[in-house]
Amino acid sequence: MVTSVLRLHVRPGREEALIRFYVEHEIFERSRESGGFRAGRLLEPVEPETAFLVIAEWDDADAYRRWLASPVRAELGVGLEPLLGSEPPEGAIYREAVSSAAAPSGKSREGER
């Protein structure tokens, strides 16, 4: 399994439109069409002027590359373009090196109350 991380620099004031676009165009559901897509998340920044992140899990790097080459993705990209800033989207593929599960429900981590 690999994880793709895509940084989307959104035009100021277009943040809600980006979120709506992902929902209305079922971006993650459409990603499944190319095969090998497992799960995805669109992360909205808490701090202003920070890029959105798209985190997706794939069976392997080839599955992600198939999505990148997909005509469906190209079509969706045309719709996304007016929402994005002048910096192009930046993407990379990662494999897990170390992981940790969340603390069990009801238990606080040290320093949290």
N, C-alpha and C. Protein backbone atom coordinates (compact mmCIF):
# COMPACT_ATOMS: atom_id res chain seq x y z
N MET A 1 0.84 -1.18 0.00
CA MET A 1 0.00 0.00 0.00
C MET A 1 0.88 1.24 0.00
N VAL A 2 0.44 2.29 -0.71
CA VAL A 2 1.11 3.58 -0.71
C VAL A 2 0.08 4.67 -0.42
N THR A 3 0.59 5.83 -0.03
CA THR A 3 -0.25 6.99 0.25
C THR A 3 0.18 8.14 -0.65
N SER A 4 -0.77 8.75 -1.33
CA SER A 4 -0.47 9.95 -2.11
C SER A 4 -0.85 11.17 -1.29
N VAL A 5 -0.02 12.20 -1.39
CA VAL A 5 -0.27 13.46 -0.70
C VAL A 5 -0.22 14.55 -1.76
N LEU A 6 -1.31 15.28 -1.89
CA LEU A 6 -1.42 16.34 -2.88
C LEU A 6 -1.71 17.65 -2.15
N ARG A 7 -0.89 18.66 -2.41
CA ARG A 7 -1.09 19.99 -1.83
C ARG A 7 -1.82 20.85 -2.86
N LEU A 8 -2.98 21.39 -2.45
CA LEU A 8 -3.77 22.26 -3.33
C LEU A 8 -3.76 23.67 -2.77
N HIS A 9 -3.19 24.59 -3.51
CA HIS A 9 -3.18 26.00 -3.12
C HIS A 9 -4.45 26.62 -3.70
N VAL A 10 -5.37 26.98 -2.83
CA VAL A 10 -6.69 27.44 -3.24
C VAL A 10 -6.72 28.97 -3.27
N ARG A 11 -7.41 29.50 -4.28
CA ARG A 11 -7.58 30.96 -4.37
C ARG A 11 -8.30 31.46 -3.11
N PRO A 12 -7.86 32.59 -2.57
CA PRO A 12 -8.55 33.15 -1.40
C PRO A 12 -10.04 33.34 -1.68
N GLY A 13 -10.86 32.92 -0.73
CA GLY A 13 -12.30 33.03 -0.87
C GLY A 13 -12.95 31.88 -1.61
N ARG A 14 -12.17 30.94 -2.12
CA ARG A 14 -12.71 29.81 -2.90
C ARG A 14 -12.66 28.49 -2.12
N GLU A 15 -12.33 28.56 -0.84
CA GLU A 15 -12.16 27.36 -0.03
C GLU A 15 -13.45 26.52 0.04
N GLU A 16 -14.57 27.16 0.33
CA GLU A 16 -15.84 26.43 0.41
C GLU A 16 -16.23 25.84 -0.94
N ALA A 17 -15.92 26.55 -2.01
CA ALA A 17 -16.21 26.05 -3.35
C ALA A 17 -15.40 24.79 -3.65
N LEU A 18 -14.16 24.75 -3.17
CA LEU A 18 -13.33 23.55 -3.36
C LEU A 18 -13.95 22.36 -2.64
N ILE A 19 -14.36 22.57 -1.41
CA ILE A 19 -14.98 21.48 -0.64
C ILE A 19 -16.25 21.00 -1.34
N ARG A 20 -17.09 21.93 -1.78
CA ARG A 20 -18.32 21.57 -2.50
C ARG A 20 -18.00 20.79 -3.77
N PHE A 21 -16.95 21.23 -4.49
CA PHE A 21 -16.56 20.54 -5.72
C PHE A 21 -16.22 19.07 -5.42
N TYR A 22 -15.46 18.83 -4.38
CA TYR A 22 -15.10 17.45 -4.02
C TYR A 22 -16.33 16.62 -3.69
N VAL A 23 -17.28 17.22 -2.99
CA VAL A 23 -18.50 16.49 -2.62
C VAL A 23 -19.40 16.29 -3.84
N GLU A 24 -19.71 17.36 -4.54
CA GLU A 24 -20.66 17.29 -5.66
C GLU A 24 -20.16 16.45 -6.82
N HIS A 25 -18.85 16.45 -7.05
CA HIS A 25 -18.30 15.67 -8.16
C HIS A 25 -17.79 14.30 -7.71
N GLU A 26 -18.04 13.97 -6.44
CA GLU A 26 -17.70 12.65 -5.90
C GLU A 26 -16.27 12.24 -6.28
N ILE A 27 -15.34 13.12 -6.00
CA ILE A 27 -13.95 12.90 -6.42
C ILE A 27 -13.42 11.54 -5.96
N PHE A 28 -13.61 11.20 -4.71
CA PHE A 28 -13.04 9.94 -4.23
C PHE A 28 -13.76 8.74 -4.82
N GLU A 29 -15.07 8.84 -4.99
CA GLU A 29 -15.80 7.75 -5.63
C GLU A 29 -15.31 7.56 -7.07
N ARG A 30 -15.07 8.67 -7.75
CA ARG A 30 -14.57 8.60 -9.14
C ARG A 30 -13.16 8.03 -9.19
N SER A 31 -12.38 8.26 -8.13
CA SER A 31 -11.01 7.73 -8.07
C SER A 31 -11.02 6.20 -8.10
N ARG A 32 -12.05 5.61 -7.54
CA ARG A 32 -12.15 4.15 -7.52
C ARG A 32 -12.22 3.56 -8.92
N GLU A 33 -12.73 4.33 -9.88
CA GLU A 33 -12.92 3.83 -11.25
C GLU A 33 -11.62 3.41 -11.91
N SER A 34 -10.51 4.00 -11.51
CA SER A 34 -9.23 3.65 -12.14
C SER A 34 -8.62 2.39 -11.52
N GLY A 35 -9.19 1.93 -10.41
CA GLY A 35 -8.72 0.71 -9.76
C GLY A 35 -7.61 0.99 -8.75
N GLY A 36 -7.63 0.26 -7.66
CA GLY A 36 -6.56 0.35 -6.67
C GLY A 36 -6.72 1.44 -5.63
N PHE A 37 -7.78 2.24 -5.72
CA PHE A 37 -8.02 3.29 -4.73
C PHE A 37 -8.66 2.66 -3.51
N ARG A 38 -8.13 2.97 -2.32
CA ARG A 38 -8.67 2.41 -1.07
C ARG A 38 -9.48 3.43 -0.28
N ALA A 39 -8.93 4.62 -0.07
CA ALA A 39 -9.61 5.62 0.75
C ALA A 39 -8.96 6.98 0.50
N GLY A 40 -9.71 8.04 0.81
CA GLY A 40 -9.15 9.37 0.63
C GLY A 40 -9.77 10.37 1.57
N ARG A 41 -9.05 11.47 1.79
CA ARG A 41 -9.52 12.56 2.65
C ARG A 41 -9.07 13.88 2.07
N LEU A 42 -9.93 14.86 2.16
CA LEU A 42 -9.57 16.23 1.83
C LEU A 42 -9.43 16.95 3.17
N LEU A 43 -8.25 17.50 3.45
CA LEU A 43 -7.99 18.17 4.71
C LEU A 43 -7.96 19.68 4.50
N GLU A 44 -8.80 20.37 5.27
CA GLU A 44 -8.88 21.82 5.20
C GLU A 44 -7.92 22.42 6.21
N PRO A 45 -7.10 23.39 5.81
CA PRO A 45 -6.15 23.98 6.76
C PRO A 45 -6.85 24.80 7.84
N VAL A 46 -6.27 24.77 9.02
CA VAL A 46 -6.77 25.57 10.13
C VAL A 46 -6.22 26.99 10.03
N GLU A 47 -4.99 27.10 9.57
CA GLU A 47 -4.32 28.40 9.44
C GLU A 47 -4.59 28.99 8.06
N PRO A 48 -4.81 30.30 7.97
CA PRO A 48 -5.03 30.92 6.65
C PRO A 48 -3.79 30.82 5.77
N GLU A 49 -4.03 30.88 4.47
CA GLU A 49 -2.96 30.86 3.47
C GLU A 49 -2.11 29.59 3.52
N THR A 50 -2.73 28.50 3.93
CA THR A 50 -2.08 27.19 3.96
C THR A 50 -2.79 26.30 2.95
N ALA A 51 -2.05 25.43 2.30
CA ALA A 51 -2.63 24.56 1.28
C ALA A 51 -3.57 23.52 1.88
N PHE A 52 -4.62 23.18 1.13
CA PHE A 52 -5.43 22.00 1.44
C PHE A 52 -4.56 20.78 1.14
N LEU A 53 -4.85 19.67 1.79
CA LEU A 53 -4.16 18.42 1.50
C LEU A 53 -5.18 17.38 1.07
N VAL A 54 -4.82 16.61 0.06
CA VAL A 54 -5.60 15.45 -0.34
C VAL A 54 -4.72 14.24 -0.03
N ILE A 55 -5.19 13.41 0.89
CA ILE A 55 -4.46 12.22 1.31
C ILE A 55 -5.26 11.02 0.80
N ALA A 56 -4.62 10.15 0.04
CA ALA A 56 -5.32 8.98 -0.49
C ALA A 56 -4.44 7.75 -0.35
N GLU A 57 -5.10 6.62 -0.10
CA GLU A 57 -4.41 5.34 -0.01
C GLU A 57 -4.71 4.53 -1.26
N TRP A 58 -3.66 3.89 -1.78
CA TRP A 58 -3.73 3.13 -3.02
C TRP A 58 -3.10 1.76 -2.81
N ASP A 59 -3.50 0.78 -3.62
CA ASP A 59 -2.89 -0.54 -3.52
C ASP A 59 -1.39 -0.47 -3.75
N ASP A 60 -0.99 0.32 -4.73
CA ASP A 60 0.43 0.48 -5.05
C ASP A 60 0.62 1.75 -5.87
N ALA A 61 1.86 2.09 -6.14
CA ALA A 61 2.16 3.33 -6.88
C ALA A 61 1.58 3.29 -8.29
N ASP A 62 1.52 2.12 -8.91
CA ASP A 62 0.95 2.02 -10.26
C ASP A 62 -0.53 2.38 -10.26
N ALA A 63 -1.25 2.02 -9.20
CA ALA A 63 -2.67 2.37 -9.11
C ALA A 63 -2.82 3.89 -9.08
N TYR A 64 -1.98 4.57 -8.33
CA TYR A 64 -2.03 6.04 -8.28
C TYR A 64 -1.68 6.64 -9.63
N ARG A 65 -0.67 6.09 -10.28
CA ARG A 65 -0.28 6.59 -11.60
C ARG A 65 -1.41 6.40 -12.63
N ARG A 66 -2.14 5.30 -12.50
CA ARG A 66 -3.30 5.10 -13.41
C ARG A 66 -4.32 6.21 -13.20
N TRP A 67 -4.55 6.59 -11.95
CA TRP A 67 -5.47 7.69 -11.67
C TRP A 67 -4.95 8.98 -12.27
N LEU A 68 -3.66 9.24 -12.13
CA LEU A 68 -3.08 10.46 -12.69
C LEU A 68 -3.27 10.53 -14.20
N ALA A 69 -3.23 9.38 -14.86
CA ALA A 69 -3.35 9.32 -16.32
C ALA A 69 -4.81 9.18 -16.79
N SER A 70 -5.73 9.09 -15.86
CA SER A 70 -7.13 8.84 -16.18
C SER A 70 -7.79 10.04 -16.85
N PRO A 71 -8.58 9.80 -17.90
CA PRO A 71 -9.32 10.90 -18.52
C PRO A 71 -10.36 11.50 -17.55
N VAL A 72 -10.85 10.70 -16.62
CA VAL A 72 -11.79 11.21 -15.61
C VAL A 72 -11.10 12.26 -14.76
N ARG A 73 -9.87 11.97 -14.34
CA ARG A 73 -9.12 12.93 -13.53
C ARG A 73 -8.84 14.19 -14.33
N ALA A 74 -8.49 14.04 -15.59
CA ALA A 74 -8.22 15.21 -16.44
C ALA A 74 -9.47 16.09 -16.54
N GLU A 75 -10.63 15.46 -16.69
CA GLU A 75 -11.89 16.21 -16.78
C GLU A 75 -12.17 16.95 -15.47
N LEU A 76 -11.96 16.28 -14.35
CA LEU A 76 -12.18 16.92 -13.05
C LEU A 76 -11.19 18.06 -12.83
N GLY A 77 -9.98 17.90 -13.31
CA GLY A 77 -8.95 18.93 -13.17
C GLY A 77 -9.35 20.23 -13.85
N VAL A 78 -10.04 20.13 -14.97
CA VAL A 78 -10.52 21.33 -15.67
C VAL A 78 -11.50 22.09 -14.78
N GLY A 79 -12.36 21.36 -14.08
CA GLY A 79 -13.31 22.00 -13.18
C GLY A 79 -12.66 22.59 -11.94
N LEU A 80 -11.58 21.98 -11.49
CA LEU A 80 -10.87 22.47 -10.30
C LEU A 80 -10.02 23.70 -10.58
N GLU A 81 -9.55 23.81 -11.79
CA GLU A 81 -8.59 24.86 -12.14
C GLU A 81 -8.99 26.27 -11.70
N PRO A 82 -10.25 26.70 -11.91
CA PRO A 82 -10.62 28.06 -11.50
C PRO A 82 -10.58 28.28 -9.98
N LEU A 83 -10.55 27.20 -9.21
CA LEU A 83 -10.54 27.31 -7.75
C LEU A 83 -9.13 27.39 -7.18
N LEU A 84 -8.16 27.03 -7.99
CA LEU A 84 -6.79 26.93 -7.50
C LEU A 84 -5.99 28.20 -7.75
N GLY A 85 -5.03 28.45 -6.88
CA GLY A 85 -4.16 29.61 -7.01
C GLY A 85 -3.13 29.41 -8.10
N SER A 86 -2.19 30.33 -8.15
CA SER A 86 -1.18 30.30 -9.22
C SER A 86 -0.14 29.20 -9.02
N GLU A 87 0.04 28.72 -7.78
CA GLU A 87 0.99 27.64 -7.56
C GLU A 87 0.36 26.33 -8.02
N PRO A 88 1.08 25.54 -8.80
CA PRO A 88 0.49 24.28 -9.27
C PRO A 88 0.37 23.28 -8.12
N PRO A 89 -0.60 22.36 -8.22
CA PRO A 89 -0.70 21.32 -7.19
C PRO A 89 0.60 20.54 -7.10
N GLU A 90 0.99 20.19 -5.88
CA GLU A 90 2.22 19.43 -5.66
C GLU A 90 1.83 18.07 -5.10
N GLY A 91 2.27 17.00 -5.74
CA GLY A 91 1.94 15.67 -5.27
C GLY A 91 3.15 14.78 -5.11
N ALA A 92 3.02 13.79 -4.23
CA ALA A 92 4.08 12.81 -4.02
C ALA A 92 3.45 11.52 -3.51
N ILE A 93 4.18 10.43 -3.65
CA ILE A 93 3.73 9.12 -3.18
C ILE A 93 4.65 8.70 -2.03
N TYR A 94 4.03 8.16 -0.98
CA TYR A 94 4.78 7.74 0.20
C TYR A 94 4.41 6.31 0.57
N ARG A 95 5.33 5.64 1.24
CA ARG A 95 5.02 4.35 1.86
C ARG A 95 5.22 4.52 3.35
N GLU A 96 4.46 3.79 4.13
CA GLU A 96 4.49 3.93 5.58
C GLU A 96 5.80 3.42 6.15
N ALA A 97 6.38 4.20 7.05
CA ALA A 97 7.61 3.80 7.73
C ALA A 97 7.30 3.44 9.18
N VAL A 98 6.48 4.24 9.85
CA VAL A 98 6.10 4.01 11.24
C VAL A 98 4.66 4.48 11.40
N SER A 99 3.86 3.80 12.23
CA SER A 99 2.50 4.25 12.46
C SER A 99 2.14 4.07 13.93
N SER A 100 1.05 4.73 14.31
CA SER A 100 0.55 4.66 15.67
C SER A 100 -0.96 4.78 15.63
N ALA A 101 -1.63 4.03 16.44
CA ALA A 101 -3.09 4.12 16.53
C ALA A 101 -3.47 5.18 17.55
N ALA A 102 -4.67 5.70 17.43
CA ALA A 102 -5.18 6.69 18.38
C ALA A 102 -5.33 6.05 19.75
N ALA A 103 -5.30 6.87 20.79
CA ALA A 103 -5.52 6.39 22.15
C ALA A 103 -6.93 5.83 22.25
N PRO A 104 -7.12 4.77 23.04
CA PRO A 104 -8.48 4.22 23.21
C PRO A 104 -9.44 5.28 23.73
N SER A 105 -10.70 5.20 23.32
CA SER A 105 -11.72 6.15 23.73
C SER A 105 -11.83 6.19 25.24
N GLY A 106 -11.97 7.41 25.78
CA GLY A 106 -12.12 7.56 27.21
C GLY A 106 -10.80 7.69 27.95
N LYS A 107 -9.71 7.41 27.29
CA LYS A 107 -8.40 7.53 27.93
C LYS A 107 -7.73 8.79 27.40
N SER A 108 -7.16 9.57 28.27
CA SER A 108 -6.46 10.77 27.83
C SER A 108 -4.98 10.48 27.69
N ARG A 109 -4.38 11.16 26.75
CA ARG A 109 -2.94 11.07 26.60
C ARG A 109 -2.30 11.99 27.62
N GLU A 110 -1.07 11.72 27.94
CA GLU A 110 -0.36 12.53 28.93
C GLU A 110 -0.45 14.01 28.58
N GLY A 111 -0.82 14.84 29.54
CA GLY A 111 -0.90 16.27 29.32
C GLY A 111 -2.23 16.75 28.78
N GLU A 112 -3.14 15.84 28.44
CA GLU A 112 -4.45 16.23 27.91
C GLU A 112 -5.52 15.94 28.94
N ARG A 113 -6.49 16.77 29.06
CA ARG A 113 -7.60 16.55 29.98
C ARG A 113 -8.88 16.95 29.31
